[in-house]
């Protein structure tokens, strides 16, 4: 199985992936989350996911 790409430098997310036994590699995103302007939390999360996947 190819490792998942974790586009986050969060130590908590790394810990969770290790706890679950999921193979992953950390590739921190260069997306500046604070610049994203949206009032709907679902819209924000979808946009961030899309930007980080590029």
Protein backbone atom coordinates (compact mmCIF):
# COMPACT_ATOMS: atom_id res chain seq x y z
CA UNK A 1 0.00 0.00 0.00
CA UNK A 2 1.32 3.43 -0.91
CA UNK A 3 1.56 5.83 2.02
CA UNK A 4 -1.01 8.57 2.35
CA UNK A 5 0.27 12.11 2.07
CA UNK A 6 -0.37 14.11 5.21
CA UNK A 7 -0.35 17.76 4.10
CA UNK A 8 0.00 18.94 7.67
CA UNK A 9 2.83 19.43 10.08
CA UNK A 10 0.53 18.74 13.03
CA UNK A 11 2.09 16.44 15.59
CA UNK A 12 -1.38 15.35 16.71
CA UNK A 13 -2.32 14.24 13.20
CA UNK A 14 0.96 12.33 12.90
CA UNK A 15 0.27 10.63 16.23
CA UNK A 16 -3.23 9.62 15.12
CA UNK A 17 -1.98 8.15 11.85
CA UNK A 18 0.69 6.16 13.69
CA UNK A 19 -1.84 4.98 16.26
CA UNK A 20 -4.09 3.73 13.46
CA UNK A 21 -1.17 2.01 11.75
CA UNK A 22 -1.73 3.90 8.51
CA UNK A 23 1.38 4.30 6.38
CA UNK A 24 1.91 7.99 5.63
CA UNK A 25 4.44 10.60 4.73
CA UNK A 26 4.38 14.21 5.85
CA UNK A 27 4.49 16.85 3.11
CA UNK A 28 3.59 20.14 4.78
CA UNK A 29 1.30 22.33 2.73
CA UNK A 30 2.26 25.84 1.72
CA UNK A 31 -1.40 26.93 1.86
CA UNK A 32 -1.93 29.95 4.09
CA UNK A 33 -5.17 28.98 5.78
CA UNK A 34 -5.69 32.36 7.41
CA UNK A 35 -6.12 33.97 3.98
CA UNK A 36 -9.17 31.88 3.13
CA UNK A 37 -12.35 33.90 3.56
CA UNK A 38 -15.63 31.99 3.88
CA UNK A 39 -18.37 31.92 6.45
CA UNK A 40 -19.49 28.33 5.92
CA UNK A 41 -17.22 25.82 7.75
CA UNK A 42 -17.97 23.09 5.21
CA UNK A 43 -16.99 25.41 2.36
CA UNK A 44 -13.75 26.31 4.16
CA UNK A 45 -12.81 22.68 4.75
CA UNK A 46 -13.57 21.70 1.15
CA UNK A 47 -11.55 24.60 -0.23
CA UNK A 48 -8.60 23.86 2.06
CA UNK A 49 -8.64 20.19 1.09
CA UNK A 50 -8.70 21.12 -2.58
CA UNK A 51 -5.83 23.60 -2.23
CA UNK A 52 -3.70 21.20 -0.19
CA UNK A 53 -4.22 18.36 -2.66
CA UNK A 54 -2.52 20.29 -5.46
